Amino acid sequence: MKVKEIARTHGIDGGWFAAWLPQSGYKFKQGLLDTDVDDSQNIPEVVAKFKEFAAAQQKAHEEEQATQQAAAQQLSKELAGVLVTSGFNFDGYTITKYSGYISGDDIVELDRYNVAGQMLPSLVQIRRNALIELKQAALDLGCNAVIGVDFDYLWIDPVNVRNDGGLTYYPYISGVTANGNAVVIEANARTS
């Protein structure tokens, strides 16, 4: 029986079913346009085994997504806890460890014909992304703060001279680097 017919009859994904067959242990024959499952086998049983496999795969996928989502939420929470300042100290805190210079970068291409409409939102987004990367670098060093933060901006107007003497204009490139020093800070003891 053809895989397409089995899929239509039993309401399953034919492509996924055909990909599962080689590992299933059931007899089948690969054709040019379709795969044939040996008719001597109990087709409903084959489909039931496939559905068990598909359900297990779906469950594993959902569990993996939940794990990734939980990890992303935990990372977001940790990043939110990293303090950042353009100054060189935090009121009410003492710097207990200096871990060195770090940076975070991001870049974006801007359509040459709509630079004005894209520039501000793009700069806001890449600056945020650079700060997230900067905070991640601090976390990677075991730090909970970054001091002396500043931003460096890059603007490239790529134009290429062709062999025929003409010019090829590419999208503008705008980049930003967030720089700073990763430190560990501890709250000062409060006196009343």
N, C-alpha and C. Protein backbone atom coordinates (compact mmCIF):
# COMPACT_ATOMS: atom_id res chain seq x y z
N MET A 1 0.85 -1.18 0.00
CA MET A 1 0.00 0.00 0.00
C MET A 1 0.90 1.24 0.00
N LYS A 2 0.57 2.23 -0.79
CA LYS A 2 1.35 3.46 -0.92
C LYS A 2 1.26 4.31 0.35
N VAL A 3 2.39 4.95 0.69
CA VAL A 3 2.45 5.79 1.88
C VAL A 3 1.43 6.92 1.79
N LYS A 4 1.28 7.53 0.62
CA LYS A 4 0.31 8.62 0.46
C LYS A 4 -1.09 8.15 0.80
N GLU A 5 -1.44 6.95 0.35
CA GLU A 5 -2.77 6.41 0.63
C GLU A 5 -2.94 6.11 2.12
N ILE A 6 -1.90 5.54 2.74
CA ILE A 6 -1.95 5.25 4.18
C ILE A 6 -2.12 6.56 4.96
N ALA A 7 -1.33 7.57 4.57
CA ALA A 7 -1.40 8.87 5.26
C ALA A 7 -2.79 9.49 5.14
N ARG A 8 -3.34 9.44 3.94
CA ARG A 8 -4.68 10.01 3.72
C ARG A 8 -5.74 9.24 4.50
N THR A 9 -5.67 7.93 4.46
CA THR A 9 -6.66 7.08 5.12
C THR A 9 -6.62 7.22 6.64
N HIS A 10 -5.42 7.33 7.19
CA HIS A 10 -5.27 7.31 8.65
C HIS A 10 -4.98 8.69 9.26
N GLY A 11 -4.96 9.72 8.42
CA GLY A 11 -4.77 11.08 8.93
C GLY A 11 -3.42 11.32 9.57
N ILE A 12 -2.37 10.82 8.94
CA ILE A 12 -1.02 11.03 9.47
C ILE A 12 -0.18 11.78 8.43
N ASP A 13 0.97 12.27 8.85
CA ASP A 13 1.89 12.98 7.97
C ASP A 13 2.67 11.96 7.15
N GLY A 14 2.45 11.97 5.84
CA GLY A 14 3.07 10.98 4.97
C GLY A 14 4.58 11.09 4.90
N GLY A 15 5.10 12.31 4.88
CA GLY A 15 6.55 12.50 4.83
C GLY A 15 7.24 11.98 6.08
N TRP A 16 6.66 12.28 7.22
CA TRP A 16 7.23 11.82 8.49
C TRP A 16 7.11 10.29 8.59
N PHE A 17 5.97 9.75 8.14
CA PHE A 17 5.76 8.31 8.14
C PHE A 17 6.80 7.62 7.26
N ALA A 18 7.03 8.14 6.06
CA ALA A 18 8.01 7.55 5.14
C ALA A 18 9.42 7.63 5.73
N ALA A 19 9.74 8.71 6.43
CA ALA A 19 11.05 8.85 7.06
C ALA A 19 11.22 7.88 8.24
N TRP A 20 10.11 7.53 8.89
CA TRP A 20 10.15 6.62 10.04
C TRP A 20 10.30 5.16 9.61
N LEU A 21 9.78 4.81 8.46
CA LEU A 21 9.77 3.41 8.02
C LEU A 21 11.12 2.69 8.08
N PRO A 22 12.23 3.29 7.63
CA PRO A 22 13.50 2.56 7.67
C PRO A 22 13.93 2.13 9.07
N GLN A 23 13.54 2.85 10.09
CA GLN A 23 13.91 2.47 11.46
C GLN A 23 12.84 1.64 12.15
N SER A 24 11.72 1.42 11.46
CA SER A 24 10.58 0.75 12.09
C SER A 24 10.69 -0.76 12.15
N GLY A 25 11.46 -1.34 11.24
CA GLY A 25 11.54 -2.81 11.17
C GLY A 25 10.46 -3.41 10.29
N TYR A 26 9.54 -2.62 9.78
CA TYR A 26 8.50 -3.11 8.88
C TYR A 26 9.02 -3.16 7.45
N LYS A 27 8.41 -4.05 6.65
CA LYS A 27 8.84 -4.21 5.26
C LYS A 27 8.23 -3.10 4.40
N PHE A 28 9.07 -2.52 3.55
CA PHE A 28 8.61 -1.49 2.63
C PHE A 28 9.55 -1.47 1.43
N LYS A 29 9.10 -0.79 0.39
CA LYS A 29 9.91 -0.68 -0.83
C LYS A 29 9.86 0.77 -1.28
N GLN A 30 11.07 1.36 -1.45
CA GLN A 30 11.16 2.76 -1.85
C GLN A 30 11.05 2.85 -3.37
N GLY A 31 10.06 3.60 -3.86
CA GLY A 31 9.90 3.83 -5.28
C GLY A 31 10.39 5.22 -5.65
N LEU A 32 10.30 5.56 -6.91
CA LEU A 32 10.73 6.88 -7.36
C LEU A 32 9.83 7.99 -6.85
N LEU A 33 8.52 7.75 -6.89
CA LEU A 33 7.57 8.79 -6.50
C LEU A 33 6.92 8.57 -5.15
N ASP A 34 6.92 7.33 -4.69
CA ASP A 34 6.27 7.03 -3.41
C ASP A 34 6.90 5.79 -2.81
N THR A 35 6.60 5.55 -1.57
CA THR A 35 7.07 4.37 -0.85
C THR A 35 5.90 3.43 -0.69
N ASP A 36 6.16 2.13 -0.89
CA ASP A 36 5.13 1.11 -0.72
C ASP A 36 5.41 0.32 0.55
N VAL A 37 4.40 0.21 1.41
CA VAL A 37 4.48 -0.65 2.59
C VAL A 37 3.95 -2.01 2.17
N ASP A 38 4.69 -3.07 2.53
CA ASP A 38 4.32 -4.43 2.15
C ASP A 38 2.90 -4.73 2.66
N ASP A 39 2.02 -5.13 1.71
CA ASP A 39 0.60 -5.39 2.06
C ASP A 39 0.41 -6.60 2.94
N SER A 40 1.44 -7.47 3.07
CA SER A 40 1.29 -8.66 3.92
C SER A 40 1.30 -8.28 5.40
N GLN A 41 1.66 -7.04 5.71
CA GLN A 41 1.69 -6.59 7.10
C GLN A 41 0.35 -5.97 7.48
N ASN A 42 0.09 -5.96 8.76
CA ASN A 42 -1.13 -5.36 9.29
C ASN A 42 -0.94 -3.83 9.29
N ILE A 43 -1.49 -3.16 8.28
CA ILE A 43 -1.28 -1.71 8.11
C ILE A 43 -1.76 -0.92 9.33
N PRO A 44 -2.94 -1.22 9.88
CA PRO A 44 -3.36 -0.47 11.08
C PRO A 44 -2.35 -0.63 12.24
N GLU A 45 -1.73 -1.80 12.36
CA GLU A 45 -0.71 -2.00 13.40
C GLU A 45 0.51 -1.13 13.12
N VAL A 46 0.94 -1.07 11.85
CA VAL A 46 2.08 -0.23 11.46
C VAL A 46 1.77 1.22 11.79
N VAL A 47 0.56 1.67 11.44
CA VAL A 47 0.16 3.05 11.70
C VAL A 47 0.12 3.33 13.21
N ALA A 48 -0.38 2.38 13.98
CA ALA A 48 -0.44 2.55 15.44
C ALA A 48 0.96 2.70 16.03
N LYS A 49 1.91 1.89 15.54
CA LYS A 49 3.30 2.00 16.02
C LYS A 49 3.88 3.37 15.64
N PHE A 50 3.58 3.82 14.42
CA PHE A 50 4.05 5.13 14.00
C PHE A 50 3.45 6.22 14.89
N LYS A 51 2.18 6.13 15.20
CA LYS A 51 1.54 7.14 16.04
C LYS A 51 2.15 7.16 17.44
N GLU A 52 2.52 5.98 17.97
CA GLU A 52 3.21 5.93 19.27
C GLU A 52 4.54 6.67 19.18
N PHE A 53 5.28 6.38 18.10
CA PHE A 53 6.56 7.04 17.87
C PHE A 53 6.38 8.56 17.75
N ALA A 54 5.41 8.97 16.95
CA ALA A 54 5.16 10.39 16.72
C ALA A 54 4.78 11.09 18.02
N ALA A 55 3.94 10.42 18.84
CA ALA A 55 3.53 11.02 20.11
C ALA A 55 4.73 11.17 21.05
N ALA A 56 5.61 10.15 21.08
CA ALA A 56 6.80 10.22 21.92
C ALA A 56 7.72 11.34 21.44
N GLN A 57 7.88 11.48 20.12
CA GLN A 57 8.71 12.54 19.57
C GLN A 57 8.13 13.91 19.90
N GLN A 58 6.82 14.04 19.79
CA GLN A 58 6.15 15.31 20.09
C GLN A 58 6.34 15.67 21.56
N LYS A 59 6.19 14.67 22.43
CA LYS A 59 6.36 14.91 23.87
C LYS A 59 7.79 15.34 24.17
N ALA A 60 8.77 14.65 23.56
CA ALA A 60 10.17 15.00 23.78
C ALA A 60 10.45 16.42 23.27
N HIS A 61 9.87 16.77 22.13
CA HIS A 61 10.04 18.11 21.57
C HIS A 61 9.46 19.17 22.51
N GLU A 62 8.28 18.91 23.04
CA GLU A 62 7.64 19.86 23.96
C GLU A 62 8.44 20.01 25.24
N GLU A 63 8.99 18.88 25.75
CA GLU A 63 9.81 18.95 26.95
C GLU A 63 11.08 19.74 26.70
N GLU A 64 11.70 19.55 25.53
CA GLU A 64 12.90 20.29 25.16
C GLU A 64 12.59 21.78 25.05
N GLN A 65 11.46 22.12 24.45
CA GLN A 65 11.07 23.53 24.34
C GLN A 65 10.85 24.14 25.72
N ALA A 66 10.21 23.38 26.62
CA ALA A 66 9.97 23.87 27.97
C ALA A 66 11.29 24.08 28.70
N THR A 67 12.24 23.16 28.52
CA THR A 67 13.55 23.30 29.14
C THR A 67 14.28 24.52 28.61
N GLN A 68 14.23 24.72 27.29
CA GLN A 68 14.88 25.88 26.69
C GLN A 68 14.23 27.18 27.15
N GLN A 69 12.91 27.17 27.26
CA GLN A 69 12.19 28.36 27.71
C GLN A 69 12.55 28.69 29.16
N ALA A 70 12.63 27.65 30.00
CA ALA A 70 13.00 27.87 31.40
C ALA A 70 14.43 28.40 31.50
N ALA A 71 15.33 27.87 30.67
CA ALA A 71 16.72 28.34 30.67
C ALA A 71 16.79 29.79 30.21
N ALA A 72 16.01 30.13 29.18
CA ALA A 72 15.98 31.51 28.68
C ALA A 72 15.44 32.46 29.74
N GLN A 73 14.41 32.03 30.46
CA GLN A 73 13.84 32.87 31.52
C GLN A 73 14.85 33.06 32.66
N GLN A 74 15.58 31.98 33.00
CA GLN A 74 16.59 32.08 34.05
C GLN A 74 17.72 33.02 33.63
N LEU A 75 18.15 32.89 32.37
CA LEU A 75 19.21 33.78 31.86
C LEU A 75 18.73 35.23 31.87
N SER A 76 17.49 35.46 31.45
CA SER A 76 16.93 36.81 31.44
C SER A 76 16.92 37.39 32.85
N LYS A 77 16.57 36.56 33.82
CA LYS A 77 16.54 37.00 35.21
C LYS A 77 17.96 37.34 35.70
N GLU A 78 18.94 36.49 35.32
CA GLU A 78 20.33 36.75 35.71
C GLU A 78 20.85 38.03 35.06
N LEU A 79 20.53 38.22 33.77
CA LEU A 79 20.98 39.41 33.06
C LEU A 79 20.39 40.67 33.68
N ALA A 80 19.14 40.58 34.12
CA ALA A 80 18.48 41.74 34.74
C ALA A 80 19.17 42.11 36.05
N GLY A 81 19.82 41.16 36.69
CA GLY A 81 20.50 41.42 37.95
C GLY A 81 21.88 42.03 37.79
N VAL A 82 22.40 42.08 36.56
CA VAL A 82 23.72 42.69 36.33
C VAL A 82 23.53 44.20 36.24
N LEU A 83 24.16 44.93 37.16
CA LEU A 83 24.05 46.38 37.18
C LEU A 83 25.07 47.00 36.22
N VAL A 84 24.69 48.09 35.59
CA VAL A 84 25.52 48.76 34.60
C VAL A 84 25.53 50.25 34.89
N THR A 85 26.72 50.86 34.79
CA THR A 85 26.82 52.30 34.97
C THR A 85 27.92 52.86 34.07
N SER A 86 27.73 54.12 33.66
CA SER A 86 28.79 54.80 32.91
C SER A 86 29.83 55.36 33.88
N GLY A 87 29.49 55.38 35.16
CA GLY A 87 30.44 55.84 36.18
C GLY A 87 31.37 54.71 36.60
N PHE A 88 32.06 54.94 37.73
CA PHE A 88 33.05 53.95 38.16
C PHE A 88 32.79 53.42 39.56
N ASN A 89 31.56 53.61 40.04
CA ASN A 89 31.16 53.00 41.30
C ASN A 89 29.63 53.00 41.38
N PHE A 90 29.12 52.31 42.38
CA PHE A 90 27.68 52.26 42.64
C PHE A 90 27.48 52.71 44.08
N ASP A 91 26.63 53.71 44.28
CA ASP A 91 26.34 54.16 45.65
C ASP A 91 25.76 52.99 46.43
N GLY A 92 26.28 52.80 47.64
CA GLY A 92 25.78 51.75 48.51
C GLY A 92 26.43 50.39 48.25
N TYR A 93 27.40 50.33 47.35
CA TYR A 93 28.08 49.08 47.02
C TYR A 93 29.59 49.28 47.05
N THR A 94 30.29 48.21 47.32
CA THR A 94 31.75 48.20 47.27
C THR A 94 32.19 47.23 46.19
N ILE A 95 33.14 47.67 45.37
CA ILE A 95 33.69 46.78 44.35
C ILE A 95 34.70 45.87 45.03
N THR A 96 34.49 44.56 44.93
CA THR A 96 35.37 43.60 45.59
C THR A 96 36.28 42.87 44.62
N LYS A 97 36.00 42.98 43.33
CA LYS A 97 36.84 42.29 42.34
C LYS A 97 36.71 42.99 41.00
N TYR A 98 37.84 43.21 40.35
CA TYR A 98 37.88 43.75 38.99
C TYR A 98 38.27 42.59 38.07
N SER A 99 37.45 42.32 37.08
CA SER A 99 37.75 41.20 36.18
C SER A 99 38.22 41.63 34.81
N GLY A 100 38.20 42.90 34.52
CA GLY A 100 38.78 43.36 33.27
C GLY A 100 37.77 43.89 32.27
N TYR A 101 38.36 44.34 31.17
CA TYR A 101 37.62 44.97 30.07
C TYR A 101 36.78 43.94 29.32
N ILE A 102 35.54 44.29 29.05
CA ILE A 102 34.65 43.44 28.26
C ILE A 102 33.90 44.30 27.26
N SER A 103 33.31 43.64 26.28
CA SER A 103 32.50 44.38 25.31
C SER A 103 31.38 43.50 24.78
N GLY A 104 30.41 44.15 24.20
CA GLY A 104 29.29 43.48 23.54
C GLY A 104 29.01 44.22 22.25
N ASP A 105 28.72 43.50 21.19
CA ASP A 105 28.56 44.12 19.88
C ASP A 105 27.26 43.69 19.22
N ASP A 106 26.81 44.54 18.31
CA ASP A 106 25.70 44.17 17.42
C ASP A 106 25.81 45.04 16.17
N ILE A 107 25.22 44.55 15.10
CA ILE A 107 25.30 45.22 13.81
C ILE A 107 23.99 45.02 13.06
N VAL A 108 23.65 45.96 12.19
CA VAL A 108 22.43 45.85 11.41
C VAL A 108 22.67 46.45 10.03
N GLU A 109 22.01 45.87 9.03
CA GLU A 109 22.02 46.45 7.69
C GLU A 109 20.79 47.32 7.53
N LEU A 110 20.97 48.48 6.91
CA LEU A 110 19.86 49.40 6.69
C LEU A 110 19.65 49.59 5.20
N ASP A 111 18.42 49.47 4.78
CA ASP A 111 18.07 49.67 3.38
C ASP A 111 18.47 51.08 2.96
N ARG A 112 19.21 51.16 1.91
CA ARG A 112 19.75 52.44 1.42
C ARG A 112 18.65 53.45 1.12
N TYR A 113 17.46 52.98 0.77
CA TYR A 113 16.40 53.89 0.34
C TYR A 113 15.41 54.23 1.45
N ASN A 114 15.66 53.71 2.66
CA ASN A 114 14.77 54.03 3.77
C ASN A 114 15.58 54.20 5.06
N VAL A 115 16.73 54.83 4.97
CA VAL A 115 17.60 54.98 6.13
C VAL A 115 16.92 55.79 7.22
N ALA A 116 16.27 56.88 6.86
CA ALA A 116 15.65 57.75 7.86
C ALA A 116 14.61 56.99 8.68
N GLY A 117 13.83 56.15 8.04
CA GLY A 117 12.79 55.42 8.75
C GLY A 117 13.31 54.27 9.59
N GLN A 118 14.49 53.77 9.27
CA GLN A 118 15.05 52.62 9.98
C GLN A 118 16.09 52.98 11.03
N MET A 119 16.72 54.13 10.90
CA MET A 119 17.89 54.45 11.72
C MET A 119 17.63 54.41 13.22
N LEU A 120 16.70 55.19 13.71
CA LEU A 120 16.48 55.28 15.15
C LEU A 120 16.04 53.95 15.75
N PRO A 121 15.01 53.29 15.19
CA PRO A 121 14.63 51.99 15.78
C PRO A 121 15.76 50.96 15.73
N SER A 122 16.54 50.99 14.66
CA SER A 122 17.65 50.05 14.54
C SER A 122 18.73 50.31 15.58
N LEU A 123 19.06 51.59 15.78
CA LEU A 123 20.08 51.93 16.78
C LEU A 123 19.63 51.54 18.19
N VAL A 124 18.37 51.77 18.49
CA VAL A 124 17.85 51.39 19.80
C VAL A 124 18.00 49.87 20.00
N GLN A 125 17.63 49.10 18.98
CA GLN A 125 17.68 47.65 19.09
C GLN A 125 19.11 47.13 19.20
N ILE A 126 20.01 47.64 18.36
CA ILE A 126 21.38 47.10 18.42
C ILE A 126 22.10 47.55 19.69
N ARG A 127 21.75 48.73 20.22
CA ARG A 127 22.33 49.15 21.50
C ARG A 127 21.87 48.22 22.62
N ARG A 128 20.58 47.87 22.61
CA ARG A 128 20.07 46.93 23.62
C ARG A 128 20.75 45.58 23.50
N ASN A 129 20.90 45.09 22.26
CA ASN A 129 21.55 43.80 22.05
C ASN A 129 23.00 43.83 22.51
N ALA A 130 23.70 44.94 22.25
CA ALA A 130 25.09 45.07 22.69
C ALA A 130 25.18 45.07 24.22
N LEU A 131 24.23 45.71 24.88
CA LEU A 131 24.21 45.71 26.36
C LEU A 131 23.95 44.32 26.90
N ILE A 132 23.03 43.59 26.26
CA ILE A 132 22.76 42.21 26.69
C ILE A 132 24.02 41.37 26.56
N GLU A 133 24.72 41.53 25.45
CA GLU A 133 25.96 40.78 25.24
C GLU A 133 27.02 41.20 26.27
N LEU A 134 27.08 42.48 26.59
CA LEU A 134 28.01 42.98 27.61
C LEU A 134 27.71 42.35 28.97
N LYS A 135 26.43 42.33 29.33
CA LYS A 135 26.04 41.72 30.60
C LYS A 135 26.35 40.23 30.62
N GLN A 136 26.14 39.55 29.49
CA GLN A 136 26.45 38.13 29.39
C GLN A 136 27.95 37.90 29.60
N ALA A 137 28.78 38.77 29.02
CA ALA A 137 30.23 38.66 29.20
C ALA A 137 30.59 38.83 30.67
N ALA A 138 29.92 39.74 31.37
CA ALA A 138 30.17 39.92 32.80
C ALA A 138 29.79 38.67 33.58
N LEU A 139 28.62 38.11 33.27
CA LEU A 139 28.19 36.87 33.94
C LEU A 139 29.18 35.74 33.69
N ASP A 140 29.68 35.65 32.45
CA ASP A 140 30.63 34.59 32.11
C ASP A 140 31.91 34.69 32.94
N LEU A 141 32.24 35.90 33.39
CA LEU A 141 33.42 36.10 34.23
C LEU A 141 33.10 36.01 35.72
N GLY A 142 31.84 35.70 36.05
CA GLY A 142 31.43 35.59 37.45
C GLY A 142 31.18 36.94 38.10
N CYS A 143 30.91 37.94 37.29
CA CYS A 143 30.70 39.30 37.81
C CYS A 143 29.21 39.64 37.83
N ASN A 144 28.87 40.64 38.65
CA ASN A 144 27.47 41.05 38.75
C ASN A 144 27.25 42.52 38.40
N ALA A 145 28.28 43.16 37.83
CA ALA A 145 28.14 44.57 37.47
C ALA A 145 29.18 44.93 36.41
N VAL A 146 28.91 46.06 35.73
CA VAL A 146 29.85 46.60 34.74
C VAL A 146 29.94 48.10 34.99
N ILE A 147 31.18 48.58 35.11
CA ILE A 147 31.39 50.01 35.33
C ILE A 147 32.05 50.62 34.09
N GLY A 148 31.97 51.96 34.00
CA GLY A 148 32.63 52.68 32.92
C GLY A 148 32.07 52.36 31.54
N VAL A 149 30.79 52.10 31.47
CA VAL A 149 30.18 51.68 30.19
C VAL A 149 30.07 52.86 29.24
N ASP A 150 30.52 52.63 28.02
CA ASP A 150 30.30 53.60 26.96
C ASP A 150 30.02 52.84 25.66
N PHE A 151 29.60 53.58 24.66
CA PHE A 151 29.24 52.99 23.37
C PHE A 151 30.10 53.57 22.27
N ASP A 152 30.54 52.71 21.38
CA ASP A 152 31.22 53.13 20.16
C ASP A 152 30.34 52.75 18.99
N TYR A 153 30.22 53.65 18.03
CA TYR A 153 29.34 53.43 16.89
C TYR A 153 30.16 53.30 15.60
N LEU A 154 29.65 52.49 14.71
CA LEU A 154 30.28 52.24 13.42
C LEU A 154 29.25 52.49 12.33
N TRP A 155 29.66 53.19 11.29
CA TRP A 155 28.77 53.47 10.18
C TRP A 155 29.54 53.21 8.90
N ILE A 156 29.07 52.27 8.08
CA ILE A 156 29.75 51.93 6.83
C ILE A 156 28.78 52.16 5.67
N ASP A 157 29.27 52.86 4.66
CA ASP A 157 28.51 53.12 3.44
C ASP A 157 29.21 52.34 2.32
N PRO A 158 28.90 51.03 2.21
CA PRO A 158 29.64 50.22 1.25
C PRO A 158 29.24 50.50 -0.20
N VAL A 159 30.24 50.89 -0.99
CA VAL A 159 30.08 51.13 -2.42
C VAL A 159 31.21 50.39 -3.11
N ASN A 160 30.89 49.71 -4.17
CA ASN A 160 31.89 48.94 -4.90
C ASN A 160 31.99 49.47 -6.33
N VAL A 161 33.22 49.68 -6.81
CA VAL A 161 33.44 50.09 -8.19
C VAL A 161 33.50 48.82 -9.04
N ARG A 162 32.62 48.75 -10.03
CA ARG A 162 32.57 47.58 -10.91
C ARG A 162 33.64 47.69 -12.00
N ASN A 163 33.89 46.60 -12.70
CA ASN A 163 34.85 46.57 -13.79
C ASN A 163 34.47 47.55 -14.92
N ASP A 164 33.18 47.77 -15.08
CA ASP A 164 32.75 48.68 -16.17
C ASP A 164 32.81 50.15 -15.75
N GLY A 165 33.32 50.42 -14.55
CA GLY A 165 33.45 51.79 -14.08
C GLY A 165 32.25 52.30 -13.31
N GLY A 166 31.16 51.53 -13.29
CA GLY A 166 29.97 51.93 -12.55
C GLY A 166 30.12 51.61 -11.07
N LEU A 167 29.13 52.02 -10.31
CA LEU A 167 29.15 51.80 -8.87
C LEU A 167 28.01 50.87 -8.47
N THR A 168 28.28 50.01 -7.51
CA THR A 168 27.25 49.17 -6.90
C THR A 168 27.09 49.64 -5.46
N TYR A 169 25.88 50.02 -5.09
CA TYR A 169 25.61 50.50 -3.74
C TYR A 169 24.98 49.38 -2.92
N TYR A 170 25.57 49.09 -1.78
CA TYR A 170 25.06 48.06 -0.88
C TYR A 170 24.32 48.72 0.27
N PRO A 171 23.58 47.93 1.06
CA PRO A 171 22.91 48.52 2.23
C PRO A 171 23.93 49.13 3.20
N TYR A 172 23.51 50.19 3.88
CA TYR A 172 24.35 50.77 4.92
C TYR A 172 24.50 49.75 6.04
N ILE A 173 25.60 49.82 6.75
CA ILE A 173 25.83 48.96 7.90
C ILE A 173 26.06 49.86 9.10
N SER A 174 25.29 49.61 10.14
CA SER A 174 25.42 50.36 11.38
C SER A 174 25.71 49.38 12.50
N GLY A 175 26.73 49.68 13.30
CA GLY A 175 27.09 48.79 14.39
C GLY A 175 27.32 49.57 15.66
N VAL A 176 27.28 48.87 16.77
CA VAL A 176 27.55 49.48 18.06
C VAL A 176 28.30 48.47 18.93
N THR A 177 29.23 49.00 19.72
CA THR A 177 29.95 48.20 20.70
C THR A 177 29.74 48.85 22.06
N ALA A 178 29.31 48.04 23.02
CA ALA A 178 29.20 48.49 24.41
C ALA A 178 30.46 48.01 25.12
N ASN A 179 31.19 48.93 25.75
CA ASN A 179 32.45 48.63 26.43
C ASN A 179 32.31 48.91 27.92
N GLY A 180 33.07 48.20 28.72
CA GLY A 180 33.09 48.47 30.14
C GLY A 180 34.03 47.54 30.86
N ASN A 181 34.05 47.65 32.17
CA ASN A 181 34.88 46.81 33.02
C ASN A 181 33.98 45.96 33.91
N ALA A 182 34.18 44.66 33.85
CA ALA A 182 33.39 43.73 34.65
C ALA A 182 33.91 43.73 36.08
N VAL A 183 32.98 43.84 37.02
CA VAL A 183 33.35 43.86 38.43
C VAL A 183 32.37 43.04 39.26
N VAL A 184 32.80 42.71 40.45
CA VAL A 184 31.91 42.11 41.44
C VAL A 184 31.65 43.17 42.49
N ILE A 185 30.39 43.40 42.80
CA ILE A 185 30.04 44.39 43.83
C ILE A 185 29.28 43.71 44.94
N GLU A 186 29.43 44.27 46.14
CA GLU A 186 28.68 43.77 47.29
C GLU A 186 28.05 44.97 47.99
N ALA A 187 26.83 44.76 48.46
CA ALA A 187 26.12 45.85 49.15
C ALA A 187 26.83 46.18 50.45
N ASN A 188 26.94 47.46 50.73
CA ASN A 188 27.52 47.90 51.99
C ASN A 188 26.57 47.61 53.13
N ALA A 189 27.14 47.36 54.31
CA ALA A 189 26.29 47.13 55.49
C ALA A 189 25.62 48.43 55.86
N ARG A 190 24.34 48.35 56.14
CA ARG A 190 23.56 49.54 56.49
C ARG A 190 23.70 49.82 57.98
N THR A 191 23.92 51.07 58.32
CA THR A 191 23.99 51.47 59.73
C THR A 191 22.79 52.36 60.04
N SER A 192 22.19 52.14 61.17
CA SER A 192 21.00 52.91 61.53
C SER A 192 21.31 53.91 62.60
